Amino acid sequence: MSNPKPRGRSPVVTDAEIRRVARTLLVEHGPDAVSLRAIARALGITAPALYRYYGSLDDLLERLRLDVCADLAAELSAEIATLPDDGVVQFFAICQGFRRWALAHTREFTLVFASPGSGEARALRRFDEPFGRIFLAAAGRLLANYDIVTPRTDVIPPELREDLVHFQTELLASLSESGQKFPAEKLDLGVTYLMIQMWARLYGHVTLEVFGNYPIPLSNPEVLFDATLAELGRTIGLLDERE
């Protein structure tokens, strides 16, 4: 009687290889294509073997999201490093760079900024991440060196104030932990309200453009984006009416 053949062993894979394959699936086919089964098939292993590295697909997607955020932050940091040490110039460059990145990386943008996440994933989307720190540092330079026109506290809808206070507390905690040169004493509710409004307008514009959802066809949406930035600059006193 012949001895049974030994079972073949699964290839040894690394965490970096898993994330590389997941990123490739994301870029080539979109977020819905990123599954444990698809990753395991590409690596020549069984899907359960991936649980030695990640407790669930959500855990893997969260790590992938953080990788994308870090890459975006590195790209924006390299871009503003070549610019003058001027808060206005750098802030607008960050906004424009974010738009260009989103249009060039639509599927990564979808994963990070346009996909529903678990409560834990949403909680991690804070200013203490690399991408968030870029914006926070730029906002800090603006507050430190310019007289920003901010909404008065009495015009902020009362229904929003509790949420704004919570956001303000998180920002201050991030500032304390990061050691960034940010004038925390200037971070009142008016500034917090303004930051939320600015992000909503910028993100809204970029999202509409990425997914082709403008209500009318635009031959050059970049012009509208730049006009929106200029309007925001005039509204908060960074640009005068002639600019």
C-alpha atoms as a PDB file:
ATOM      1  CA  MET A   1       0.000   0.000   0.000  1.00  0.00           C
ATOM      2  CA  SER A   2       1.505   3.324  -1.047  1.00  0.00           C
ATOM      3  CA  ASN A   3       1.928   6.126   1.418  1.00  0.00           C
ATOM      4  CA  PRO A   4      -0.459   9.087   0.977  1.00  0.00           C
ATOM      5  CA  LYS A   5       1.061  12.121  -0.704  1.00  0.00           C
ATOM      6  CA  PRO A   6       1.754  14.980   1.672  1.00  0.00           C
ATOM      7  CA  ARG A   7      -0.541  17.912   1.305  1.00  0.00           C
ATOM      8  CA  GLY A   8       0.935  20.973  -0.296  1.00  0.00           C
ATOM      9  CA  ARG A   9       1.513  23.902   1.933  1.00  0.00           C
ATOM     10  CA  SER A  10      -0.010  27.287   1.222  1.00  0.00           C
ATOM     11  CA  PRO A  11       2.484  29.903   0.049  1.00  0.00           C
ATOM     12  CA  VAL A  12       3.820  32.189   2.733  1.00  0.00           C
ATOM     13  CA  VAL A  13       2.493  35.720   2.244  1.00  0.00           C
ATOM     14  CA  THR A  14       3.158  38.989   4.023  1.00  0.00           C
ATOM     15  CA  ASP A  15       0.897  41.779   5.182  1.00  0.00           C
ATOM     16  CA  ALA A  16       2.474  44.059   2.568  1.00  0.00           C
ATOM     17  CA  GLU A  17       1.601  41.585  -0.215  1.00  0.00           C
ATOM     18  CA  ILE A  18      -1.981  41.359   0.983  1.00  0.00           C
ATOM     19  CA  ARG A  19      -2.358  45.141   0.940  1.00  0.00           C
ATOM     20  CA  ARG A  20      -0.643  45.362  -2.449  1.00  0.00           C
ATOM     21  CA  VAL A  21      -3.105  42.913  -3.993  1.00  0.00           C
ATOM     22  CA  ALA A  22      -6.048  44.633  -2.290  1.00  0.00           C
ATOM     23  CA  ARG A  23      -4.875  48.004  -3.641  1.00  0.00           C
ATOM     24  CA  THR A  24      -4.531  46.549  -7.154  1.00  0.00           C
ATOM     25  CA  LEU A  25      -8.062  45.154  -7.022  1.00  0.00           C
ATOM     26  CA  LEU A  26      -9.329  48.512  -5.795  1.00  0.00           C
ATOM     27  CA  VAL A  27      -7.609  50.530  -8.529  1.00  0.00           C
ATOM     28  CA  GLU A  28      -8.423  48.146 -11.379  1.00  0.00           C
ATOM     29  CA  HIS A  29     -11.965  47.128 -10.455  1.00  0.00           C
ATOM     30  CA  GLY A  30     -13.288  49.379  -7.666  1.00  0.00           C
ATOM     31  CA  PRO A  31     -14.091  48.928  -3.962  1.00  0.00           C
ATOM     32  CA  ASP A  32     -16.693  46.201  -4.560  1.00  0.00           C
ATOM     33  CA  ALA A  33     -13.994  43.965  -6.079  1.00  0.00           C
ATOM     34  CA  VAL A  34     -11.932  43.952  -2.886  1.00  0.00           C
ATOM     35  CA  SER A  35     -12.915  40.752  -1.094  1.00  0.00           C
ATOM     36  CA  LEU A  36     -11.017  38.207   0.968  1.00  0.00           C
ATOM     37  CA  ARG A  37     -11.803  35.532  -1.595  1.00  0.00           C
ATOM     38  CA  ALA A  38     -10.435  37.612  -4.486  1.00  0.00           C
ATOM     39  CA  ILE A  39      -7.296  38.541  -2.561  1.00  0.00           C
ATOM     40  CA  ALA A  40      -6.681  34.929  -1.545  1.00  0.00           C
ATOM     41  CA  ARG A  41      -7.163  33.736  -5.126  1.00  0.00           C
ATOM     42  CA  ALA A  42      -4.606  36.256  -6.413  1.00  0.00           C
ATOM     43  CA  LEU A  43      -2.097  35.170  -3.743  1.00  0.00           C
ATOM     44  CA  GLY A  44      -2.689  31.448  -4.226  1.00  0.00           C
ATOM     45  CA  ILE A  45      -3.898  30.869  -0.671  1.00  0.00           C
ATOM     46  CA  THR A  46      -7.203  30.124   1.003  1.00  0.00           C
ATOM     47  CA  ALA A  47      -9.398  32.938   2.233  1.00  0.00           C
ATOM     48  CA  PRO A  48      -9.309  31.697   5.882  1.00  0.00           C
ATOM     49  CA  ALA A  49      -5.505  32.112   5.824  1.00  0.00           C
ATOM     50  CA  LEU A  50      -6.045  35.862   5.646  1.00  0.00           C
ATOM     51  CA  TYR A  51      -7.593  35.847   9.113  1.00  0.00           C
ATOM     52  CA  ARG A  52      -4.113  35.450  10.554  1.00  0.00           C
ATOM     53  CA  TYR A  53      -3.552  39.058   9.447  1.00  0.00           C
ATOM     54  CA  TYR A  54      -7.004  40.652   9.600  1.00  0.00           C
ATOM     55  CA  GLY A  55     -10.049  39.876  11.679  1.00  0.00           C
ATOM     56  CA  SER A  56     -12.435  40.828   8.898  1.00  0.00           C
ATOM     57  CA  LEU A  57     -12.685  42.434   5.486  1.00  0.00           C
ATOM     58  CA  ASP A  58     -13.634  45.698   7.212  1.00  0.00           C
ATOM     59  CA  ASP A  59     -10.318  45.611   9.111  1.00  0.00           C
ATOM     60  CA  LEU A  60      -8.423  45.168   5.850  1.00  0.00           C
ATOM     61  CA  LEU A  61     -10.373  47.945   4.116  1.00  0.00           C
ATOM     62  CA  GLU A  62      -9.662  50.276   7.024  1.00  0.00           C
ATOM     63  CA  ARG A  63      -5.926  49.587   6.746  1.00  0.00           C
ATOM     64  CA  LEU A  64      -6.135  50.118   2.992  1.00  0.00           C
ATOM     65  CA  ARG A  65      -7.975  53.399   3.559  1.00  0.00           C
ATOM     66  CA  LEU A  66      -5.227  54.578   5.896  1.00  0.00           C
ATOM     67  CA  ASP A  67      -2.598  53.644   3.298  1.00  0.00           C
ATOM     68  CA  VAL A  68      -4.418  55.736   0.696  1.00  0.00           C
ATOM     69  CA  CYS A  69      -4.715  58.668   3.118  1.00  0.00           C
ATOM     70  CA  ALA A  70      -0.988  58.497   3.833  1.00  0.00           C
ATOM     71  CA  ASP A  71      -0.156  58.479   0.122  1.00  0.00           C
ATOM     72  CA  LEU A  72      -2.417  61.475  -0.484  1.00  0.00           C
ATOM     73  CA  ALA A  73      -0.828  63.356   2.410  1.00  0.00           C
ATOM     74  CA  ALA A  74       2.664  62.600   1.100  1.00  0.00           C
ATOM     75  CA  GLU A  75       1.719  63.846  -2.364  1.00  0.00           C
ATOM     76  CA  LEU A  76       0.257  67.088  -1.013  1.00  0.00           C
ATOM     77  CA  SER A  77       3.197  67.604   1.357  1.00  0.00           C
ATOM     78  CA  ALA A  78       5.664  67.273  -1.518  1.00  0.00           C
ATOM     79  CA  GLU A  79       3.658  69.758  -3.542  1.00  0.00           C
ATOM     80  CA  ILE A  80       3.441  72.489  -0.911  1.00  0.00           C
ATOM     81  CA  ALA A  81       7.108  72.010   0.056  1.00  0.00           C
ATOM     82  CA  THR A  82       8.029  73.744  -3.205  1.00  0.00           C
ATOM     83  CA  LEU A  83       5.768  76.742  -2.539  1.00  0.00           C
ATOM     84  CA  PRO A  84       6.431  80.002  -0.656  1.00  0.00           C
ATOM     85  CA  ASP A  85       5.873  79.895   3.110  1.00  0.00           C
ATOM     86  CA  ASP A  86       2.534  81.630   2.745  1.00  0.00           C
ATOM     87  CA  GLY A  87      -0.583  80.216   4.391  1.00  0.00           C
ATOM     88  CA  VAL A  88      -2.957  81.413   1.684  1.00  0.00           C
ATOM     89  CA  VAL A  89      -0.870  80.074  -1.198  1.00  0.00           C
ATOM     90  CA  GLN A  90      -0.384  76.720   0.493  1.00  0.00           C
ATOM     91  CA  PHE A  91      -4.004  76.356   1.590  1.00  0.00           C
ATOM     92  CA  PHE A  92      -5.346  76.961  -1.917  1.00  0.00           C
ATOM     93  CA  ALA A  93      -2.681  74.629  -3.331  1.00  0.00           C
ATOM     94  CA  ILE A  94      -3.822  71.883  -0.959  1.00  0.00           C
ATOM     95  CA  CYS A  95      -7.433  72.334  -2.072  1.00  0.00           C
ATOM     96  CA  GLN A  96      -6.437  72.227  -5.750  1.00  0.00           C
ATOM     97  CA  GLY A  97      -4.132  69.268  -5.162  1.00  0.00           C
ATOM     98  CA  PHE A  98      -6.930  67.356  -3.425  1.00  0.00           C
ATOM     99  CA  ARG A  99      -9.174  67.888  -6.452  1.00  0.00           C
ATOM    100  CA  ARG A 100      -6.495  66.743  -8.901  1.00  0.00           C
ATOM    101  CA  TRP A 101      -5.747  63.666  -6.797  1.00  0.00           C
ATOM    102  CA  ALA A 102      -9.438  62.745  -6.586  1.00  0.00           C
ATOM    103  CA  LEU A 103      -9.871  62.975 -10.356  1.00  0.00           C
ATOM    104  CA  ALA A 104      -6.732  60.894 -10.958  1.00  0.00           C
ATOM    105  CA  HIS A 105      -7.589  58.287  -8.289  1.00  0.00           C
ATOM    106  CA  THR A 106     -11.356  57.992  -8.478  1.00  0.00           C
ATOM    107  CA  ARG A 107     -11.560  54.507  -6.986  1.00  0.00           C
ATOM    108  CA  GLU A 108      -9.285  55.325  -4.069  1.00  0.00           C
ATOM    109  CA  PHE A 109     -11.348  58.492  -3.553  1.00  0.00           C
ATOM    110  CA  THR A 110     -14.492  56.365  -3.527  1.00  0.00           C
ATOM    111  CA  LEU A 111     -13.094  54.057  -0.844  1.00  0.00           C
ATOM    112  CA  VAL A 112     -11.817  56.830   1.419  1.00  0.00           C
ATOM    113  CA  PHE A 113     -14.348  59.616   0.951  1.00  0.00           C
ATOM    114  CA  ALA A 114     -17.477  58.162  -0.613  1.00  0.00           C
ATOM    115  CA  SER A 115     -17.991  54.737   0.951  1.00  0.00           C
ATOM    116  CA  PRO A 116     -20.022  54.044   4.074  1.00  0.00           C
ATOM    117  CA  GLY A 117     -17.915  52.665   6.887  1.00  0.00           C
ATOM    118  CA  SER A 118     -18.415  51.092  10.254  1.00  0.00           C
ATOM    119  CA  GLY A 119     -18.642  53.320  13.302  1.00  0.00           C
ATOM    120  CA  GLU A 120     -14.993  52.675  14.070  1.00  0.00           C
ATOM    121  CA  ALA A 121     -13.930  53.588  10.530  1.00  0.00           C
ATOM    122  CA  ARG A 122     -15.872  56.837  10.664  1.00  0.00           C
ATOM    123  CA  ALA A 123     -14.384  57.663  14.045  1.00  0.00           C
ATOM    124  CA  LEU A 124     -10.876  57.357  12.622  1.00  0.00           C
ATOM    125  CA  ARG A 125     -11.557  59.933   9.918  1.00  0.00           C
ATOM    126  CA  ARG A 126     -10.136  62.710  12.043  1.00  0.00           C
ATOM    127  CA  PHE A 127      -7.554  65.388  11.854  1.00  0.00           C
ATOM    128  CA  ASP A 128      -4.992  63.192  13.583  1.00  0.00           C
ATOM    129  CA  GLU A 129      -4.491  61.233  10.355  1.00  0.00           C
ATOM    130  CA  PRO A 130      -1.791  62.297   7.855  1.00  0.00           C
ATOM    131  CA  PHE A 131      -4.261  63.780   5.376  1.00  0.00           C
ATOM    132  CA  GLY A 132      -6.180  65.608   8.093  1.00  0.00           C
ATOM    133  CA  ARG A 133      -2.965  67.001   9.566  1.00  0.00           C
ATOM    134  CA  ILE A 134      -2.134  68.634   6.229  1.00  0.00           C
ATOM    135  CA  PHE A 135      -5.376  70.600   6.297  1.00  0.00           C
ATOM    136  CA  LEU A 136      -5.071  71.356   9.992  1.00  0.00           C
ATOM    137  CA  ALA A 137      -1.541  72.709   9.596  1.00  0.00           C
ATOM    138  CA  ALA A 138      -2.660  74.904   6.680  1.00  0.00           C
ATOM    139  CA  ALA A 139      -5.597  76.217   8.682  1.00  0.00           C
ATOM    140  CA  GLY A 140      -3.248  76.915  11.571  1.00  0.00           C
ATOM    141  CA  ARG A 141      -0.993  79.027   9.365  1.00  0.00           C
ATOM    142  CA  LEU A 142      -3.999  81.019   8.178  1.00  0.00           C
ATOM    143  CA  LEU A 143      -5.234  81.664  11.724  1.00  0.00           C
ATOM    144  CA  ALA A 144      -1.774  82.558  12.964  1.00  0.00           C
ATOM    145  CA  ASN A 145      -0.904  85.011  10.207  1.00  0.00           C
ATOM    146  CA  TYR A 146      -4.174  86.424   8.876  1.00  0.00           C
ATOM    147  CA  ASP A 147      -7.228  88.117  10.300  1.00  0.00           C
ATOM    148  CA  ILE A 148      -9.871  85.603   9.310  1.00  0.00           C
ATOM    149  CA  VAL A 149     -13.470  86.773   9.098  1.00  0.00           C
ATOM    150  CA  THR A 150     -15.495  84.167  10.968  1.00  0.00           C
ATOM    151  CA  PRO A 151     -19.220  83.830  11.732  1.00  0.00           C
ATOM    152  CA  ARG A 152     -20.371  85.319  15.019  1.00  0.00           C
ATOM    153  CA  THR A 153     -21.436  82.800  17.604  1.00  0.00           C
ATOM    154  CA  ASP A 154     -24.971  84.188  17.673  1.00  0.00           C
ATOM    155  CA  VAL A 155     -25.537  83.367  13.980  1.00  0.00           C
ATOM    156  CA  ILE A 156     -24.617  79.710  14.400  1.00  0.00           C
ATOM    157  CA  PRO A 157     -27.808  77.595  14.483  1.00  0.00           C
ATOM    158  CA  PRO A 158     -28.335  76.443  18.076  1.00  0.00           C
ATOM    159  CA  GLU A 159     -29.049  72.907  16.863  1.00  0.00           C
ATOM    160  CA  LEU A 160     -25.468  72.652  15.571  1.00  0.00           C
ATOM    161  CA  ARG A 161     -23.611  73.970  18.573  1.00  0.00           C
ATOM    162  CA  GLU A 162     -23.349  70.714  20.508  1.00  0.00           C
ATOM    163  CA  ASP A 163     -21.841  68.962  17.467  1.00  0.00           C
ATOM    164  CA  LEU A 164     -19.473  71.881  16.879  1.00  0.00           C
ATOM    165  CA  VAL A 165     -18.301  71.843  20.487  1.00  0.00           C
ATOM    166  CA  HIS A 166     -17.578  68.124  20.163  1.00  0.00           C
ATOM    167  CA  PHE A 167     -15.636  68.734  16.931  1.00  0.00           C
ATOM    168  CA  GLN A 168     -13.801  71.642  18.554  1.00  0.00           C
ATOM    169  CA  THR A 169     -12.763  69.390  21.454  1.00  0.00           C
ATOM    170  CA  GLU A 170     -11.421  66.748  19.051  1.00  0.00           C
ATOM    171  CA  LEU A 171      -9.446  69.365  17.135  1.00  0.00           C
ATOM    172  CA  LEU A 172      -7.878  70.742  20.302  1.00  0.00           C
ATOM    173  CA  ALA A 173      -6.938  67.231  21.420  1.00  0.00           C
ATOM    174  CA  SER A 174      -5.322  66.550  18.038  1.00  0.00           C
ATOM    175  CA  LEU A 175      -3.397  69.816  18.287  1.00  0.00           C
ATOM    176  CA  SER A 176      -2.132  68.957  21.747  1.00  0.00           C
ATOM    177  CA  GLU A 177      -0.967  65.502  20.676  1.00  0.00           C
ATOM    178  CA  SER A 178       0.626  66.581  17.400  1.00  0.00           C
ATOM    179  CA  GLY A 179       2.542  69.564  18.737  1.00  0.00           C
ATOM    180  CA  GLN A 180       1.597  71.633  15.701  1.00  0.00           C
ATOM    181  CA  LYS A 181       1.980  75.399  15.882  1.00  0.00           C
ATOM    182  CA  PHE A 182      -1.693  76.218  15.832  1.00  0.00           C
ATOM    183  CA  PRO A 183      -3.145  79.148  17.825  1.00  0.00           C
ATOM    184  CA  ALA A 184      -5.593  77.063  19.823  1.00  0.00           C
ATOM    185  CA  GLU A 185      -6.972  80.153  21.556  1.00  0.00           C
ATOM    186  CA  LYS A 186      -8.368  81.260  18.201  1.00  0.00           C
ATOM    187  CA  LEU A 187     -10.251  78.026  17.656  1.00  0.00           C
ATOM    188  CA  ASP A 188     -13.645  79.321  18.765  1.00  0.00           C
ATOM    189  CA  LEU A 189     -17.023  78.048  17.569  1.00  0.00           C
ATOM    190  CA  GLY A 190     -17.022  80.533  14.690  1.00  0.00           C
ATOM    191  CA  VAL A 191     -13.789  79.094  13.311  1.00  0.00           C
ATOM    192  CA  THR A 192     -15.045  75.555  13.835  1.00  0.00           C
ATOM    193  CA  TYR A 193     -18.285  76.364  12.017  1.00  0.00           C
ATOM    194  CA  LEU A 194     -16.322  77.955   9.183  1.00  0.00           C
ATOM    195  CA  MET A 195     -14.042  74.916   8.792  1.00  0.00           C
ATOM    196  CA  ILE A 196     -17.040  72.598   8.493  1.00  0.00           C
ATOM    197  CA  GLN A 197     -18.692  74.843   5.923  1.00  0.00           C
ATOM    198  CA  MET A 198     -15.543  75.166   3.835  1.00  0.00           C
ATOM    199  CA  TRP A 199     -14.920  71.437   3.817  1.00  0.00           C
ATOM    200  CA  ALA A 200     -18.549  70.748   2.851  1.00  0.00           C
ATOM    201  CA  ARG A 201     -18.292  73.089  -0.139  1.00  0.00           C
ATOM    202  CA  LEU A 202     -14.922  71.802  -1.311  1.00  0.00           C
ATOM    203  CA  TYR A 203     -15.814  68.157  -0.809  1.00  0.00           C
ATOM    204  CA  GLY A 204     -19.210  68.651  -2.431  1.00  0.00           C
ATOM    205  CA  HIS A 205     -17.667  70.196  -5.532  1.00  0.00           C
ATOM    206  CA  VAL A 206     -15.016  67.480  -5.877  1.00  0.00           C
ATOM    207  CA  THR A 207     -17.541  64.685  -5.332  1.00  0.00           C
ATOM    208  CA  LEU A 208     -19.900  66.067  -7.971  1.00  0.00           C
ATOM    209  CA  GLU A 209     -17.011  66.307 -10.423  1.00  0.00           C
ATOM    210  CA  VAL A 210     -15.547  62.861  -9.687  1.00  0.00           C
ATOM    211  CA  PHE A 211     -18.890  61.133 -10.218  1.00  0.00           C
ATOM    212  CA  GLY A 212     -20.046  63.354 -13.091  1.00  0.00           C
ATOM    213  CA  ASN A 213     -23.093  64.591 -11.206  1.00  0.00           C
ATOM    214  CA  TYR A 214     -23.093  68.284 -12.047  1.00  0.00           C
ATOM    215  CA  PRO A 215     -26.653  69.436 -12.815  1.00  0.00           C
ATOM    216  CA  ILE A 216     -25.411  70.885 -16.121  1.00  0.00           C
ATOM    217  CA  PRO A 217     -22.555  69.848 -18.436  1.00  0.00           C
ATOM    218  CA  LEU A 218     -19.387  71.851 -17.763  1.00  0.00           C
ATOM    219  CA  SER A 219     -16.653  72.008 -20.378  1.00  0.00           C
ATOM    220  CA  ASN A 220     -14.128  73.229 -17.796  1.00  0.00           C
ATOM    221  CA  PRO A 221     -15.153  72.415 -14.214  1.00  0.00           C
ATOM    222  CA  GLU A 222     -11.723  73.522 -12.953  1.00  0.00           C
ATOM    223  CA  VAL A 223     -12.766  77.130 -13.621  1.00  0.00           C
ATOM    224  CA  LEU A 224     -15.790  76.684 -11.366  1.00  0.00           C
ATOM    225  CA  PHE A 225     -13.640  75.073  -8.676  1.00  0.00           C
ATOM    226  CA  ASP A 226     -11.127  77.937  -8.753  1.00  0.00           C
ATOM    227  CA  ALA A 227     -13.995  80.439  -8.667  1.00  0.00           C
ATOM    228  CA  THR A 228     -15.381  78.655  -5.599  1.00  0.00           C
ATOM    229  CA  LEU A 229     -11.996  78.873  -3.883  1.00  0.00           C
ATOM    230  CA  ALA A 230     -11.741  82.566  -4.711  1.00  0.00           C
ATOM    231  CA  GLU A 231     -15.216  83.198  -3.317  1.00  0.00           C
ATOM    232  CA  LEU A 232     -14.312  81.377  -0.107  1.00  0.00           C
ATOM    233  CA  GLY A 233     -11.140  83.460   0.098  1.00  0.00           C
ATOM    234  CA  ARG A 234     -13.091  86.692  -0.232  1.00  0.00           C
ATOM    235  CA  THR A 235     -15.732  85.556   2.259  1.00  0.00           C
ATOM    236  CA  ILE A 236     -13.176  84.964   5.022  1.00  0.00           C
ATOM    237  CA  GLY A 237     -11.052  88.003   4.192  1.00  0.00           C
ATOM    238  CA  LEU A 238      -8.085  86.289   2.523  1.00  0.00           C
ATOM    239  CA  LEU A 239      -8.739  87.952  -0.835  1.00  0.00           C
ATOM    240  CA  ASP A 240     -10.191  91.357  -1.605  1.00  0.00           C
ATOM    241  CA  GLU A 241     -13.134  91.856  -3.929  1.00  0.00           C
ATOM    242  CA  ARG A 242     -10.879  92.537  -6.919  1.00  0.00           C
ATOM    243  CA  GLU A 243      -9.185  89.128  -6.779  1.00  0.00           C
END
